[in-house]
Protein backbone atom coordinates (compact mmCIF):
# COMPACT_ATOMS: atom_id res chain seq x y z
CA MET A 1 23.48 -17.06 -24.90
CA SER A 2 22.28 -13.62 -26.32
CA THR A 3 20.76 -10.67 -24.33
CA THR A 4 17.61 -8.99 -25.73
CA PRO A 5 17.41 -5.35 -24.65
CA ALA A 6 14.08 -3.86 -23.58
CA VAL A 7 13.08 -0.78 -25.38
CA GLY A 8 13.41 2.29 -23.05
CA ALA A 9 15.09 -0.07 -20.42
CA THR A 10 16.35 2.27 -17.40
CA ASP A 11 17.14 -0.50 -14.88
CA ASP A 12 17.62 -4.32 -14.43
CA SER A 13 14.30 -4.82 -12.98
CA VAL A 14 13.57 -7.30 -15.85
CA LEU A 15 16.35 -9.44 -17.21
CA LEU A 16 15.87 -10.72 -20.91
CA ARG A 17 17.92 -13.17 -22.56
CA THR A 18 17.77 -16.15 -24.97
CA GLU A 19 19.70 -19.38 -24.42
CA GLY A 20 19.42 -21.92 -27.53
CA ARG A 21 15.66 -21.96 -28.47
CA ALA A 22 14.54 -20.60 -25.04
CA ALA A 23 13.90 -17.04 -24.25
CA HIS A 24 13.80 -16.06 -20.75
CA ILE A 25 12.22 -13.21 -18.54
CA VAL A 26 13.64 -12.98 -15.01
CA LEU A 27 11.83 -10.57 -12.67
CA ASN A 28 14.89 -9.09 -10.84
CA ARG A 29 13.79 -7.08 -7.82
CA PRO A 30 14.50 -9.70 -5.23
CA ARG A 31 14.65 -7.18 -2.17
CA ALA A 32 10.99 -6.32 -3.11
CA LEU A 33 10.23 -10.01 -3.72
CA ASN A 34 10.13 -9.05 -7.62
CA ALA A 35 7.17 -6.80 -7.12
CA LEU A 36 5.82 -5.58 -10.38
CA THR A 37 6.29 -1.99 -11.49
CA HIS A 38 4.53 -0.34 -14.53
CA ASP A 39 7.95 -0.29 -16.39
CA MET A 40 8.26 -4.00 -15.82
CA VAL A 41 4.99 -4.84 -17.21
CA ARG A 42 5.68 -2.82 -20.35
CA ARG A 43 9.24 -4.46 -20.85
CA ILE A 44 7.73 -7.93 -20.44
CA ASP A 45 5.18 -7.10 -22.96
CA GLU A 46 7.85 -5.64 -25.29
CA ALA A 47 9.68 -8.88 -25.13
CA LEU A 48 6.70 -11.27 -25.71
CA THR A 49 5.96 -9.03 -28.97
CA ALA A 50 9.52 -9.46 -30.02
CA TRP A 51 9.71 -13.25 -29.25
CA GLU A 52 6.23 -14.08 -30.83
CA SER A 53 7.39 -13.43 -34.34
CA ASP A 54 11.09 -14.72 -33.92
CA PRO A 55 11.33 -18.29 -35.41
CA ALA A 56 14.72 -18.75 -33.28
CA VAL A 57 12.48 -18.56 -30.05
CA GLU A 58 10.63 -21.77 -29.39
CA THR A 59 9.67 -21.35 -25.58
CA VAL A 60 9.44 -18.60 -23.24
CA VAL A 61 10.30 -19.05 -19.60
CA LEU A 62 9.40 -16.84 -16.68
CA THR A 63 11.35 -17.09 -13.30
CA GLY A 64 12.14 -14.80 -10.29
CA ALA A 65 15.50 -13.73 -8.88
CA GLY A 66 16.37 -14.37 -5.42
CA GLU A 67 15.45 -17.45 -3.10
CA ARG A 68 11.89 -16.33 -1.80
CA GLY A 69 9.76 -16.43 -4.92
CA LEU A 70 8.55 -15.62 -8.29
CA CYS A 71 6.60 -12.52 -7.39
CA ALA A 72 4.65 -11.19 -4.40
CA GLY A 73 2.48 -8.99 -6.72
CA GLY A 74 2.14 -5.37 -8.02
CA ASP A 75 4.10 -2.59 -6.35
CA ILE A 76 1.40 -1.70 -3.88
CA ARG A 77 3.52 1.02 -2.27
CA ALA A 78 3.33 2.81 -5.35
CA ILE A 79 -0.49 2.24 -5.66
CA TYR A 80 -0.66 3.57 -1.94
CA GLU A 81 1.12 6.81 -2.79
CA ASP A 82 -0.98 7.14 -6.01
CA ALA A 83 -4.29 6.67 -4.17
CA ARG A 84 -3.15 9.19 -1.49
CA SER A 85 -2.59 11.78 -4.22
CA GLY A 86 -5.85 11.46 -6.26
CA GLY A 87 -5.27 8.02 -8.14
CA GLY A 88 -4.03 9.41 -11.30
CA SER A 89 -1.49 6.65 -12.32
CA SER A 90 -2.62 3.46 -11.17
CA PRO A 91 -5.39 3.13 -13.76
CA ALA A 92 -2.70 3.27 -16.44
CA PHE A 93 -0.56 0.60 -14.69
CA TRP A 94 -3.66 -1.84 -14.29
CA ALA A 95 -4.66 -1.34 -17.82
CA ASP A 96 -1.28 -2.41 -19.09
CA GLU A 97 -0.85 -5.14 -16.69
CA TYR A 98 -4.43 -6.56 -17.77
CA ARG A 99 -3.40 -6.48 -21.20
CA LEU A 100 -0.41 -8.35 -20.44
CA ASN A 101 -2.30 -10.89 -18.55
CA ALA A 102 -4.52 -11.58 -21.54
CA ARG A 103 -1.58 -11.67 -23.86
CA ILE A 104 -0.13 -14.44 -21.81
CA ALA A 105 -3.15 -16.62 -21.66
CA ARG A 106 -3.35 -16.44 -25.55
CA TYR A 107 0.28 -16.79 -26.22
CA PRO A 108 0.87 -19.02 -29.29
CA LYS A 109 4.18 -20.61 -27.77
CA PRO A 110 5.01 -22.47 -24.86
CA TYR A 111 4.97 -20.09 -21.83
CA VAL A 112 6.67 -21.76 -18.87
CA ALA A 113 5.98 -20.05 -15.66
CA VAL A 114 8.21 -21.31 -12.85
CA MET A 115 6.01 -20.48 -9.71
CA ASP A 116 8.38 -21.45 -7.13
CA GLY A 117 8.22 -19.87 -3.66
CA ILE A 118 5.81 -16.93 -3.14
CA VAL A 119 3.54 -16.25 -5.97
CA MET A 120 0.72 -13.77 -5.17
CA GLY A 121 -1.44 -11.15 -6.70
CA GLY A 122 0.22 -9.77 -9.79
CA GLY A 123 2.47 -12.68 -9.74
CA ILE A 124 -0.47 -14.97 -10.32
CA GLY A 125 -1.32 -12.66 -13.24
CA VAL A 126 1.94 -13.06 -15.12
CA SER A 127 2.30 -16.99 -14.32
CA ALA A 128 -1.14 -18.62 -13.69
CA HIS A 129 -2.51 -17.65 -17.06
CA GLY A 130 0.57 -19.38 -18.97
CA ASN A 131 -0.05 -22.63 -20.72
CA VAL A 132 2.78 -24.52 -18.91
CA ARG A 133 2.64 -23.70 -14.97
CA LEU A 134 5.09 -25.32 -12.75
CA VAL A 135 4.87 -25.50 -9.02
CA THR A 136 7.25 -26.85 -6.44
CA GLU A 137 7.15 -28.21 -2.78
CA ARG A 138 8.00 -24.63 -1.83
CA SER A 139 5.33 -22.91 -3.67
CA ARG A 140 2.79 -20.50 -1.84
CA LEU A 141 0.12 -19.00 -4.01
CA ALA A 142 -2.46 -16.54 -2.96
CA MET A 143 -4.79 -13.57 -4.11
CA PRO A 144 -4.61 -11.47 -0.84
CA GLU A 145 -6.25 -8.29 -2.09
CA THR A 146 -9.15 -8.27 0.44
CA GLY A 147 -6.64 -7.76 3.19
CA ILE A 148 -5.68 -4.45 1.71
CA GLY A 149 -9.08 -3.13 0.60
CA LEU A 150 -8.94 -4.60 -3.01
CA ALA A 151 -10.83 -7.51 -4.75
CA PRO A 152 -8.64 -10.05 -6.63
CA ASP A 153 -7.55 -8.81 -10.07
CA VAL A 154 -5.30 -9.80 -12.82
CA GLY A 155 -7.73 -12.28 -13.91
CA GLY A 156 -7.81 -13.71 -10.52
CA THR A 157 -11.52 -14.00 -10.33
CA TYR A 158 -11.65 -15.59 -13.81
CA LEU A 159 -9.18 -18.41 -12.47
CA LEU A 160 -10.61 -18.93 -9.09
CA GLY A 161 -14.37 -18.95 -10.71
CA LEU A 162 -13.06 -22.09 -12.58
CA ALA A 163 -11.86 -24.04 -9.46
CA PRO A 164 -13.87 -26.82 -8.19
CA GLY A 165 -17.12 -26.23 -6.28
CA GLU A 166 -16.45 -23.11 -3.86
CA LEU A 167 -12.77 -23.36 -3.47
CA GLY A 168 -11.94 -20.41 -5.70
CA THR A 169 -14.53 -18.33 -3.67
CA HIS A 170 -12.86 -19.37 -0.28
CA LEU A 171 -9.55 -18.28 -1.79
CA ALA A 172 -10.71 -15.00 -3.37
CA LEU A 173 -12.46 -13.90 -0.08
CA THR A 174 -9.87 -15.00 2.37
CA GLY A 175 -6.71 -14.64 0.58
CA ALA A 176 -5.62 -17.84 1.92
CA GLN A 177 -2.25 -19.17 0.65
CA ILE A 178 -2.00 -22.62 -0.82
CA GLY A 179 0.46 -25.07 -1.80
CA ALA A 180 1.44 -27.08 -4.91
CA GLY A 181 -1.03 -29.76 -4.18
CA ASP A 182 -3.95 -27.28 -3.83
CA ALA A 183 -2.63 -25.19 -6.74
CA LEU A 184 -3.12 -28.07 -9.10
CA LEU A 185 -6.64 -28.98 -7.39
CA CYS A 186 -7.75 -25.49 -8.19
CA GLY A 187 -6.39 -25.28 -11.79
CA LEU A 188 -3.74 -22.70 -10.94
CA ALA A 189 -0.89 -25.02 -11.89
CA ASP A 190 -0.21 -27.92 -14.48
CA HIS A 191 2.85 -29.61 -13.20
CA CYS A 192 4.87 -30.17 -9.79
CA VAL A 193 8.67 -30.21 -10.20
CA PRO A 194 10.98 -30.56 -7.10
CA SER A 195 12.58 -27.18 -6.44
CA GLN A 196 16.21 -28.93 -6.74
CA ASP A 197 15.38 -29.87 -10.29
CA ILE A 198 14.20 -26.33 -11.52
CA GLN A 199 17.47 -25.03 -12.93
CA SER A 200 18.36 -28.37 -14.69
CA LEU A 201 14.70 -28.26 -16.13
CA VAL A 202 15.10 -24.52 -17.26
CA ASP A 203 18.65 -25.53 -18.85
CA ALA A 204 17.24 -28.25 -20.69
CA LEU A 205 14.49 -25.96 -22.64
CA ALA A 206 17.46 -24.67 -24.53
CA ASP A 207 17.57 -27.36 -26.83
CA THR A 208 14.65 -29.90 -25.87
CA PRO A 209 10.84 -29.39 -26.44
CA VAL A 210 8.83 -28.58 -23.35
CA ARG A 211 6.78 -32.04 -23.42
CA GLU A 212 9.96 -33.93 -23.29
CA VAL A 213 11.54 -32.07 -20.41
CA LEU A 214 8.20 -32.20 -18.45
CA GLY A 215 8.60 -35.95 -19.00
CA ARG A 216 11.94 -35.93 -17.22
CA TYR A 217 11.14 -33.68 -14.25
CA ALA A 218 7.47 -33.56 -13.37
CA GLN A 219 6.40 -35.66 -10.38
CA GLU A 220 3.53 -36.15 -8.11
CA ALA A 221 2.63 -33.17 -5.98
CA PRO A 222 2.35 -32.99 -2.27
CA ALA A 223 -1.20 -34.00 -1.08
CA SER A 224 -3.94 -31.39 -1.49
CA GLU A 225 -5.23 -29.74 1.85
CA LEU A 226 -8.19 -28.09 0.58
CA VAL A 227 -9.78 -31.32 -0.63
CA LEU A 228 -10.20 -32.28 3.07
CA TRP A 229 -12.03 -29.01 3.61
CA ARG A 230 -14.11 -29.13 0.57
CA PRO A 231 -17.38 -30.45 2.41
CA TRP A 232 -17.73 -27.31 4.53
CA ILE A 233 -16.10 -24.97 1.99
CA ASP A 234 -18.86 -26.00 -0.49
CA ALA A 235 -21.64 -26.02 2.20
CA CYS A 236 -20.80 -22.51 3.64
CA TYR A 237 -19.81 -20.53 0.57
CA GLY A 238 -22.73 -21.69 -1.25
CA ALA A 239 -24.83 -19.00 0.70
CA ASP A 240 -26.10 -15.97 -1.07
CA THR A 241 -24.42 -13.18 0.93
CA VAL A 242 -21.31 -12.58 2.97
CA GLU A 243 -23.18 -12.43 6.13
CA ASP A 244 -24.66 -15.87 5.55
CA ILE A 245 -21.26 -17.50 4.64
CA VAL A 246 -19.80 -16.11 7.75
CA GLU A 247 -22.84 -17.46 9.88
CA ARG A 248 -22.37 -20.79 8.36
CA LEU A 249 -18.79 -21.09 8.96
CA LEU A 250 -19.15 -20.11 12.47
CA THR A 251 -22.10 -22.77 12.95
CA TYR A 252 -20.77 -25.60 10.89
CA GLY A 253 -18.90 -27.34 13.73
CA ASP A 254 -15.38 -27.71 12.09
CA PRO A 255 -12.59 -25.59 13.89
CA ALA A 256 -11.15 -24.73 10.40
CA ALA A 257 -14.54 -23.44 9.49
CA LYS A 258 -14.59 -21.18 12.47
CA GLU A 259 -10.95 -19.87 11.89
CA THR A 260 -12.03 -18.97 8.32
CA ALA A 261 -15.06 -16.96 9.75
CA GLU A 262 -12.55 -15.05 11.96
CA SER A 263 -10.17 -14.71 8.95
CA LEU A 264 -13.03 -13.14 7.04
CA LEU A 265 -14.18 -10.87 9.71
CA ALA A 266 -10.47 -9.33 9.79
CA LYS A 267 -10.71 -8.32 6.06
CA SER A 268 -12.19 -5.17 4.45
CA PRO A 269 -15.94 -5.69 4.51
CA THR A 270 -16.13 -3.65 1.29
CA ALA A 271 -13.51 -5.83 -0.51
CA VAL A 272 -14.86 -9.00 0.56
CA LYS A 273 -18.57 -8.17 -0.70
CA VAL A 274 -17.04 -6.96 -3.75
CA ALA A 275 -14.97 -9.97 -4.20
CA LEU A 276 -17.97 -12.35 -3.93
CA ALA A 277 -19.93 -10.20 -6.57
CA ALA A 278 -16.83 -10.34 -8.80
CA ILE A 279 -16.20 -14.13 -8.84
CA ARG A 280 -20.02 -14.93 -9.08
CA ARG A 281 -20.25 -12.55 -12.06
CA ALA A 282 -17.10 -13.59 -13.70
CA ARG A 283 -18.49 -17.25 -13.87
CA THR A 284 -21.10 -15.71 -16.44
CA LEU A 285 -19.06 -13.23 -18.32
CA GLY A 286 -17.20 -15.44 -20.82
CA PRO A 287 -13.53 -15.15 -21.82
CA LEU A 288 -10.77 -13.73 -19.61
CA GLU A 289 -11.07 -10.42 -21.39
CA ARG A 290 -14.47 -9.64 -20.20
CA VAL A 291 -13.36 -10.54 -16.61
CA LEU A 292 -10.38 -8.49 -16.64
CA GLU A 293 -12.57 -5.38 -18.02
CA GLN A 294 -14.69 -6.05 -14.93
CA GLU A 295 -11.83 -6.18 -12.58
CA PHE A 296 -10.58 -2.69 -14.01
CA ARG A 297 -13.55 -1.28 -13.06
CA ALA A 298 -13.35 -2.64 -9.42
CA SER A 299 -9.58 -1.70 -9.15
CA CYS A 300 -10.39 1.84 -10.14
CA ALA A 301 -13.27 2.08 -7.70
CA ALA A 302 -11.18 1.04 -4.86
CA LEU A 303 -8.67 4.10 -5.60
CA SER A 304 -11.35 6.37 -4.19
CA SER A 305 -12.27 4.00 -1.22
CA PRO A 306 -10.65 4.57 2.21
CA ASP A 307 -10.07 1.04 2.73
CA LEU A 308 -7.33 0.85 0.03
CA VAL A 309 -5.11 3.33 1.55
CA GLU A 310 -5.98 2.13 5.16
CA GLY A 311 -5.27 -1.58 4.10
CA ILE A 312 -1.90 -0.89 2.56
CA ARG A 313 -0.94 1.44 5.59
CA ALA A 314 -1.56 -1.28 8.30
CA GLN A 315 -0.04 -4.32 6.22
CA VAL A 316 2.79 -2.78 4.35
CA VAL A 317 3.64 1.02 5.51
CA ASP A 318 3.28 1.14 9.35
CA LYS A 319 2.77 -2.74 9.60
CA ASP A 320 0.66 -2.52 12.79
CA ARG A 321 -1.58 -5.07 11.09
CA ASN A 322 -4.64 -3.04 12.63
CA PRO A 323 -6.42 -1.60 9.78
CA GLN A 324 -9.58 0.56 10.54
CA TRP A 325 -12.01 -0.25 7.98
CA SER A 326 -14.83 2.07 6.59
CA PRO A 327 -17.45 0.89 6.83
CA GLN A 328 -16.33 -1.61 9.84
CA THR A 329 -18.81 -4.31 9.39
CA PHE A 330 -20.35 -6.34 6.67
CA ALA A 331 -23.86 -5.30 7.55
CA GLU A 332 -22.80 -1.64 6.83
CA VAL A 333 -21.82 -2.45 3.36
CA THR A 334 -25.12 -1.88 1.05
CA GLN A 335 -25.65 -3.34 -2.15
CA THR A 336 -25.28 0.44 -3.75
CA ASP A 337 -21.60 0.42 -2.15
CA VAL A 338 -20.97 -2.87 -3.70
CA GLU A 339 -22.60 -1.74 -7.23
CA ARG A 340 -20.31 1.11 -7.52
CA TYR A 341 -17.41 -1.11 -8.12
CA PHE A 342 -18.79 -2.61 -11.18
CA ALA A 343 -19.82 1.03 -12.68
CA PRO A 344 -17.56 2.43 -15.70
CA PRO A 345 -14.81 4.54 -14.16
CA ALA A 346 -14.51 8.23 -14.65
CA GLN A 347 -11.57 7.71 -17.22
CA GLY A 348 -13.33 5.20 -19.11
CA ASP A 349 -13.47 1.52 -19.54
CA LEU A 350 -10.60 -0.95 -20.41
CA HIS A 351 -11.56 -2.55 -23.75
CA LEU A 352 -9.67 -5.90 -24.46
CA SER A 353 -10.30 -7.88 -27.74
CA ALA A 354 -8.36 -10.58 -29.56
CA SER A 355 -5.92 -8.15 -30.96
CA ASP A 356 -4.70 -7.46 -27.45
CA SER A 357 -3.72 -11.12 -27.20
CA ALA A 358 -1.11 -12.90 -29.00
CA SER A 359 -3.61 -15.50 -30.59
CA ASP A 360 -7.33 -16.67 -30.57
CA SER A 361 -6.43 -19.51 -27.94
CA ALA A 362 -3.05 -20.78 -26.76
CA GLU A 363 -4.98 -23.69 -25.06
CA GLU A 364 -5.67 -25.27 -28.58
CA VAL A 365 -1.76 -25.60 -29.15
CA PRO A 366 -0.58 -29.07 -27.92
CA TRP A 367 2.97 -28.58 -26.26
């Protein structure tokens, strides 16, 4: 085993090492559920740059330290403090994070993301764009941004826009958590492996190709729950507006649909409307890079919205779970309010191209 030092590393929040022909990235902030900081994003990108051209590295493996999960998202406390002080540093973090998401999606080597336990927000960004995505019976995936005044980002609207029917719209607007079966159904994961076998699988990658290792350990996933809800999800989320979606959910006649309406009514009205517009626009934008550029605009706009600070305060800082949104209702959020999130930010757009990614398309490479 050898350890790969990160350029400019000042702590051990990302552990890098190689074992045989596998290179390992371990997110190592277990007390913060491995939430991503700007420094962590930079160090992961540096490692991927080095390993991309290293003939000794055949496979890259992403895991999270601790027992609770891979990654709960970005460091939203840092974003909270930044938003309160004018939002000067978060755009640079998002720009580097989204570039990393694009790079992972095009990485020319097997990128094995172990999505065990909690995987949310930014954790989806560093895992679900990979070409070998593993879930377990413990996996809980979500894009919960609308609960803190943001729209899904890190390519989340791209991924959810590709999910069958309106399943992705449901997940983007509600932030609902899903398990392994639903992750496979929605295209957020590729294989299910029992959690007890993860360490053996990771160890085997040191000297065995990914395809062969997956043949040993991949098993049938637990049953999907969303597939049973698909009729009312498709029927209700096919409406043109958030108001109409909520009305359909309330009147559909299924208790789960009514509960979902109540969940939507508790989210940031602005964020929910922006999320609906974002996922629908994402379906027509083309490659991931264009969608990430759109998400960058939306994230930057959220910095000047009162809902971002209020949402993080209520959910993470004070934890009173009682955010006071502004505006308070969907009806008060105008189309002009929504369009502001798709306008170029004052500091300039994010521009991503093939040069920001490792190759033209990692999907074309058969592992």
